[in-house]
C-alpha atoms as a PDB file:
ATOM      1  CA  MET A   1      -0.011  -0.042  -0.123  1.00  0.00           C
ATOM      2  CA  LYS A   2       1.349   3.459  -1.073  1.00  0.00           C
ATOM      3  CA  THR A   3       1.113   6.146   1.412  1.00  0.00           C
ATOM      4  CA  LYS A   4       0.710   9.828   0.361  1.00  0.00           C
ATOM      5  CA  THR A   5       3.370  12.023   1.941  1.00  0.00           C
ATOM      6  CA  THR A   6       3.149  15.943   2.237  1.00  0.00           C
ATOM      7  CA  PRO A   7       6.277  17.722   1.593  1.00  0.00           C
ATOM      8  CA  THR A   8       7.265  19.822   4.594  1.00  0.00           C
ATOM      9  CA  LEU A   9       7.596  23.365   3.900  1.00  0.00           C
ATOM     10  CA  SER A  10      10.059  25.787   5.563  1.00  0.00           C
ATOM     11  CA  SER A  11       8.459  28.544   7.477  1.00  0.00           C
ATOM     12  CA  ALA A  12      10.972  30.904   6.153  1.00  0.00           C
ATOM     13  CA  PRO A  13      10.180  32.578   2.918  1.00  0.00           C
ATOM     14  CA  ARG A  14      12.456  31.798  -0.064  1.00  0.00           C
ATOM     15  CA  THR A  15      12.928  33.888  -3.062  1.00  0.00           C
ATOM     16  CA  GLY A  16      10.509  32.516  -5.661  1.00  0.00           C
ATOM     17  CA  ALA A  17       9.112  29.982  -3.318  1.00  0.00           C
ATOM     18  CA  ARG A  18       5.675  28.708  -4.280  1.00  0.00           C
ATOM     19  CA  THR A  19       3.897  27.198  -1.319  1.00  0.00           C
ATOM     20  CA  PRO A  20       0.422  26.260  -1.374  1.00  0.00           C
ATOM     21  CA  PRO A  21      -2.160  28.562   0.242  1.00  0.00           C
ATOM     22  CA  ARG A  22      -2.744  27.779   3.930  1.00  0.00           C
ATOM     23  CA  GLY A  23      -5.706  25.530   4.698  1.00  0.00           C
ATOM     24  CA  GLY A  24      -8.950  25.711   2.752  1.00  0.00           C
ATOM     25  CA  THR A  25      -9.423  25.967  -0.931  1.00  0.00           C
ATOM     26  CA  PRO A  26      -8.029  29.086  -2.782  1.00  0.00           C
ATOM     27  CA  GLY A  27     -10.342  31.019  -4.931  1.00  0.00           C
ATOM     28  CA  PRO A  28      -9.703  32.451  -8.319  1.00  0.00           C
ATOM     29  CA  LEU A  29      -7.168  35.001  -6.977  1.00  0.00           C
ATOM     30  CA  GLY A  30      -5.150  32.257  -5.286  1.00  0.00           C
ATOM     31  CA  VAL A  31      -6.187  32.982  -1.758  1.00  0.00           C
ATOM     32  CA  ARG A  32      -8.867  31.695   0.727  1.00  0.00           C
ATOM     33  CA  ALA A  33     -11.984  33.816   0.884  1.00  0.00           C
ATOM     34  CA  SER A  34     -11.677  34.183   4.610  1.00  0.00           C
ATOM     35  CA  THR A  35      -8.011  35.635   4.368  1.00  0.00           C
ATOM     36  CA  LEU A  36      -9.216  37.976   1.529  1.00  0.00           C
ATOM     37  CA  ALA A  37     -12.166  39.096   3.641  1.00  0.00           C
ATOM     38  CA  ARG A  38      -9.710  39.989   6.613  1.00  0.00           C
ATOM     39  CA  THR A  39      -7.280  41.806   4.365  1.00  0.00           C
ATOM     40  CA  LEU A  40     -10.122  43.822   2.638  1.00  0.00           C
ATOM     41  CA  LEU A  41     -11.608  44.743   5.910  1.00  0.00           C
ATOM     42  CA  ALA A  42      -8.151  46.001   7.098  1.00  0.00           C
ATOM     43  CA  VAL A  43      -7.415  48.120   4.002  1.00  0.00           C
ATOM     44  CA  SER A  44     -11.034  49.367   4.079  1.00  0.00           C
ATOM     45  CA  ALA A  45     -10.488  50.589   7.666  1.00  0.00           C
ATOM     46  CA  ALA A  46      -7.340  52.369   6.401  1.00  0.00           C
ATOM     47  CA  ALA A  47      -9.157  53.753   3.510  1.00  0.00           C
ATOM     48  CA  ALA A  48     -11.973  55.051   5.646  1.00  0.00           C
ATOM     49  CA  VAL A  49      -9.697  56.884   7.938  1.00  0.00           C
ATOM     50  CA  GLY A  50      -8.003  58.384   5.101  1.00  0.00           C
ATOM     51  CA  SER A  51     -11.353  59.241   3.556  1.00  0.00           C
ATOM     52  CA  VAL A  52     -12.628  60.905   6.503  1.00  0.00           C
ATOM     53  CA  ALA A  53      -9.427  63.024   7.272  1.00  0.00           C
ATOM     54  CA  THR A  54      -9.064  64.253   3.589  1.00  0.00           C
ATOM     55  CA  ARG A  55     -10.173  67.763   3.106  1.00  0.00           C
ATOM     56  CA  PRO A  56      -9.097  69.013  -0.496  1.00  0.00           C
ATOM     57  CA  ALA A  57     -12.000  71.524  -0.326  1.00  0.00           C
ATOM     58  CA  SER A  58     -10.564  73.131   2.936  1.00  0.00           C
ATOM     59  CA  LEU A  59      -9.410  76.661   2.593  1.00  0.00           C
ATOM     60  CA  TRP A  60      -6.127  75.651   3.961  1.00  0.00           C
ATOM     61  CA  TYR A  61      -5.443  73.140   1.159  1.00  0.00           C
ATOM     62  CA  ARG A  62      -6.869  75.232  -1.535  1.00  0.00           C
ATOM     63  CA  ARG A  63      -4.352  78.033  -0.457  1.00  0.00           C
ATOM     64  CA  LEU A  64      -1.387  75.663  -0.678  1.00  0.00           C
ATOM     65  CA  ARG A  65       0.716  76.184  -3.784  1.00  0.00           C
ATOM     66  CA  LYS A  66       0.937  72.944  -5.743  1.00  0.00           C
ATOM     67  CA  PRO A  67       3.084  71.836  -8.618  1.00  0.00           C
ATOM     68  CA  SER A  68       1.478  71.952 -12.151  1.00  0.00           C
ATOM     69  CA  TRP A  69       1.847  68.215 -12.544  1.00  0.00           C
ATOM     70  CA  GLN A  70      -0.476  67.435  -9.612  1.00  0.00           C
ATOM     71  CA  PRO A  71      -3.518  65.387 -10.596  1.00  0.00           C
ATOM     72  CA  PRO A  72      -6.900  66.722  -9.977  1.00  0.00           C
ATOM     73  CA  SER A  73      -8.405  65.922  -6.432  1.00  0.00           C
ATOM     74  CA  GLU A  74     -10.879  63.470  -8.136  1.00  0.00           C
ATOM     75  CA  ALA A  75      -8.078  61.315  -9.390  1.00  0.00           C
ATOM     76  CA  PHE A  76      -6.986  60.406  -6.041  1.00  0.00           C
ATOM     77  CA  GLY A  77     -10.112  58.361  -5.213  1.00  0.00           C
ATOM     78  CA  LEU A  78      -9.999  56.726  -8.627  1.00  0.00           C
ATOM     79  CA  ILE A  79      -6.415  55.548  -8.101  1.00  0.00           C
ATOM     80  CA  TRP A  80      -6.641  54.483  -4.358  1.00  0.00           C
ATOM     81  CA  THR A  81      -9.664  52.366  -4.798  1.00  0.00           C
ATOM     82  CA  PRO A  82      -7.948  49.719  -7.111  1.00  0.00           C
ATOM     83  CA  LEU A  83      -4.720  50.140  -5.238  1.00  0.00           C
ATOM     84  CA  TYR A  84      -6.357  49.124  -1.872  1.00  0.00           C
ATOM     85  CA  GLY A  85      -7.862  46.051  -3.740  1.00  0.00           C
ATOM     86  CA  LEU A  86      -4.574  45.043  -4.885  1.00  0.00           C
ATOM     87  CA  ILE A  87      -2.964  45.636  -1.439  1.00  0.00           C
ATOM     88  CA  ALA A  88      -5.734  43.222  -0.014  1.00  0.00           C
ATOM     89  CA  VAL A  89      -5.083  40.537  -2.602  1.00  0.00           C
ATOM     90  CA  GLY A  90      -1.306  40.823  -2.445  1.00  0.00           C
ATOM     91  CA  THR A  91      -1.155  40.550   1.217  1.00  0.00           C
ATOM     92  CA  ALA A  92      -3.788  37.827   1.269  1.00  0.00           C
ATOM     93  CA  ARG A  93      -1.635  35.684  -1.029  1.00  0.00           C
ATOM     94  CA  VAL A  94       1.404  36.163   1.330  1.00  0.00           C
ATOM     95  CA  LEU A  95      -0.528  35.378   4.479  1.00  0.00           C
ATOM     96  CA  ASP A  96      -2.065  32.242   2.896  1.00  0.00           C
ATOM     97  CA  ARG A  97       1.377  31.037   2.006  1.00  0.00           C
ATOM     98  CA  ARG A  98       3.129  31.655   5.204  1.00  0.00           C
ATOM     99  CA  ARG A  99       3.000  29.565   8.577  1.00  0.00           C
ATOM    100  CA  GLY A 100       3.487  30.327  12.224  1.00  0.00           C
ATOM    101  CA  ALA A 101       5.790  33.087  13.164  1.00  0.00           C
ATOM    102  CA  ASP A 102       6.703  34.257   9.762  1.00  0.00           C
ATOM    103  CA  ARG A 103       2.827  34.712   9.082  1.00  0.00           C
ATOM    104  CA  THR A 104       2.415  36.685  12.200  1.00  0.00           C
ATOM    105  CA  ALA A 105       5.525  38.713  11.448  1.00  0.00           C
ATOM    106  CA  PHE A 106       4.034  39.553   7.892  1.00  0.00           C
ATOM    107  CA  ALA A 107       0.598  40.359   9.411  1.00  0.00           C
ATOM    108  CA  ALA A 108       2.260  42.907  11.798  1.00  0.00           C
ATOM    109  CA  ARG A 109       4.125  44.479   8.956  1.00  0.00           C
ATOM    110  CA  PHE A 110       0.956  44.775   7.171  1.00  0.00           C
ATOM    111  CA  ALA A 111      -0.852  46.299   9.921  1.00  0.00           C
ATOM    112  CA  ALA A 112       2.009  48.763  10.491  1.00  0.00           C
ATOM    113  CA  ASN A 113       2.061  49.711   6.824  1.00  0.00           C
ATOM    114  CA  LEU A 114      -1.739  50.413   6.985  1.00  0.00           C
ATOM    115  CA  VAL A 115      -1.341  52.573  10.054  1.00  0.00           C
ATOM    116  CA  LEU A 116       1.335  54.634   8.175  1.00  0.00           C
ATOM    117  CA  ASN A 117      -0.828  54.664   5.092  1.00  0.00           C
ATOM    118  CA  ALA A 118      -3.681  56.347   7.042  1.00  0.00           C
ATOM    119  CA  GLY A 119      -1.275  58.341   9.054  1.00  0.00           C
ATOM    120  CA  TRP A 120      -0.179  60.345   6.063  1.00  0.00           C
ATOM    121  CA  THR A 121      -3.596  61.717   5.521  1.00  0.00           C
ATOM    122  CA  LEU A 122      -4.001  62.471   9.221  1.00  0.00           C
ATOM    123  CA  ALA A 123      -0.566  64.407   9.406  1.00  0.00           C
ATOM    124  CA  PHE A 124      -1.176  66.302   6.129  1.00  0.00           C
ATOM    125  CA  PHE A 125      -4.958  67.180   6.124  1.00  0.00           C
ATOM    126  CA  HIS A 126      -5.875  66.963   9.769  1.00  0.00           C
ATOM    127  CA  GLY A 127      -2.641  68.181  11.110  1.00  0.00           C
ATOM    128  CA  ARG A 128      -2.054  70.522   8.192  1.00  0.00           C
ATOM    129  CA  SER A 129       1.509  69.716   8.311  1.00  0.00           C
ATOM    130  CA  PRO A 130       3.137  68.980   4.731  1.00  0.00           C
ATOM    131  CA  ARG A 131       6.609  68.611   6.555  1.00  0.00           C
ATOM    132  CA  LEU A 132       5.352  66.093   8.997  1.00  0.00           C
ATOM    133  CA  ALA A 133       3.499  64.217   6.197  1.00  0.00           C
ATOM    134  CA  LEU A 134       6.710  64.025   4.260  1.00  0.00           C
ATOM    135  CA  ALA A 135       8.474  62.332   7.059  1.00  0.00           C
ATOM    136  CA  GLU A 136       5.537  60.050   7.532  1.00  0.00           C
ATOM    137  CA  ILE A 137       5.438  59.129   3.939  1.00  0.00           C
ATOM    138  CA  SER A 138       9.194  58.447   3.975  1.00  0.00           C
ATOM    139  CA  ALA A 139       8.626  55.755   6.624  1.00  0.00           C
ATOM    140  CA  LEU A 140       5.533  54.428   4.533  1.00  0.00           C
ATOM    141  CA  ASN A 141       7.957  54.086   1.456  1.00  0.00           C
ATOM    142  CA  ALA A 142      10.385  52.188   3.654  1.00  0.00           C
ATOM    143  CA  SER A 143       7.496  49.928   4.761  1.00  0.00           C
ATOM    144  CA  ASN A 144       6.197  49.575   1.232  1.00  0.00           C
ATOM    145  CA  ALA A 145       9.730  48.446   0.087  1.00  0.00           C
ATOM    146  CA  ASP A 146       9.806  45.789   2.889  1.00  0.00           C
ATOM    147  CA  LEU A 147       6.172  44.495   2.035  1.00  0.00           C
ATOM    148  CA  VAL A 148       7.073  44.129  -1.588  1.00  0.00           C
ATOM    149  CA  ARG A 149      10.366  42.325  -0.870  1.00  0.00           C
ATOM    150  CA  GLN A 150       8.761  40.019   1.682  1.00  0.00           C
ATOM    151  CA  ALA A 151       5.988  39.270  -0.701  1.00  0.00           C
ATOM    152  CA  TRP A 152       8.128  38.688  -3.641  1.00  0.00           C
ATOM    153  CA  ALA A 153      10.249  36.297  -1.625  1.00  0.00           C
ATOM    154  CA  THR A 154       6.971  34.330  -0.684  1.00  0.00           C
ATOM    155  CA  ASP A 155       5.102  34.590  -3.878  1.00  0.00           C
ATOM    156  CA  ARG A 156       6.205  36.553  -6.939  1.00  0.00           C
ATOM    157  CA  ALA A 157       2.625  37.268  -7.946  1.00  0.00           C
ATOM    158  CA  ALA A 158       1.888  38.764  -4.552  1.00  0.00           C
ATOM    159  CA  GLY A 159       5.009  41.002  -4.881  1.00  0.00           C
ATOM    160  CA  ALA A 160       4.054  42.072  -8.460  1.00  0.00           C
ATOM    161  CA  VAL A 161       0.561  42.970  -7.185  1.00  0.00           C
ATOM    162  CA  LEU A 162       2.024  45.223  -4.638  1.00  0.00           C
ATOM    163  CA  LEU A 163       4.315  47.140  -6.850  1.00  0.00           C
ATOM    164  CA  PRO A 164       1.584  49.747  -7.988  1.00  0.00           C
ATOM    165  CA  TYR A 165       1.038  50.676  -4.440  1.00  0.00           C
ATOM    166  CA  ALA A 166       4.732  51.281  -3.896  1.00  0.00           C
ATOM    167  CA  ALA A 167       5.120  53.172  -7.171  1.00  0.00           C
ATOM    168  CA  TRP A 168       1.969  55.497  -6.310  1.00  0.00           C
ATOM    169  CA  THR A 169       3.325  56.233  -2.908  1.00  0.00           C
ATOM    170  CA  ALA A 170       6.767  57.129  -4.343  1.00  0.00           C
ATOM    171  CA  PHE A 171       4.811  59.619  -6.697  1.00  0.00           C
ATOM    172  CA  ALA A 172       2.945  60.876  -3.677  1.00  0.00           C
ATOM    173  CA  THR A 173       6.266  61.579  -1.977  1.00  0.00           C
ATOM    174  CA  ALA A 174       7.544  63.536  -4.865  1.00  0.00           C
ATOM    175  CA  LEU A 175       4.167  65.451  -4.772  1.00  0.00           C
ATOM    176  CA  ASN A 176       4.559  65.876  -1.049  1.00  0.00           C
ATOM    177  CA  THR A 177       8.071  67.161  -1.500  1.00  0.00           C
ATOM    178  CA  ALA A 178       7.213  69.708  -4.057  1.00  0.00           C
ATOM    179  CA  ILE A 179       4.256  71.065  -1.931  1.00  0.00           C
ATOM    180  CA  VAL A 180       6.807  71.489   1.058  1.00  0.00           C
ATOM    181  CA  ARG A 181       9.173  73.361  -1.265  1.00  0.00           C
ATOM    182  CA  LEU A 182       6.377  75.474  -2.720  1.00  0.00           C
ATOM    183  CA  ASN A 183       5.159  76.467   0.812  1.00  0.00           C
ATOM    184  CA  PRO A 184       8.139  76.875   2.973  1.00  0.00           C
ATOM    185  CA  ALA A 185       6.168  78.775   5.710  1.00  0.00           C
ATOM    186  CA  GLU A 186       3.959  75.665   6.290  1.00  0.00           C
ATOM    187  CA  LYS A 187       4.839  73.418   9.206  1.00  0.00           C
END
């Protein structure tokens, strides 16, 4: 009688490692529905905080000098909506492919990233501090680079899905930098 053996998987991520999703049957995006639901809930919370704190119609914001290449205010929601979806899918793919302490560590990195994500809006619009927001988004960029690197090492598709998020925040950093330079009196 032949016995079926299950290969053991190292809990440490390996570059290019393709491990099966953790428990349950993955859906068409390669993730379990329960994992995707949790990551969607987490990114929705960050998006909600950002949405509530954003005030592009405020007198303070309208008075700021902005670079000519800044997209119109309406574009930001159109861009962030699919980005949040990609963040949820990419992180769900990683979480479903990690085990134990490695999974917990990635989940903590993901949570910290979302706090930084929402924190930029709070610093910029609520705190009315382009300089503080610039320092904050620099930390977000470092967190994004780490998330992409970790995701890529676990599942290349997950890493690729997170790249647009990292690219957009890099663009947002350039925009924030330009606003700081154009408004030297702002804190």
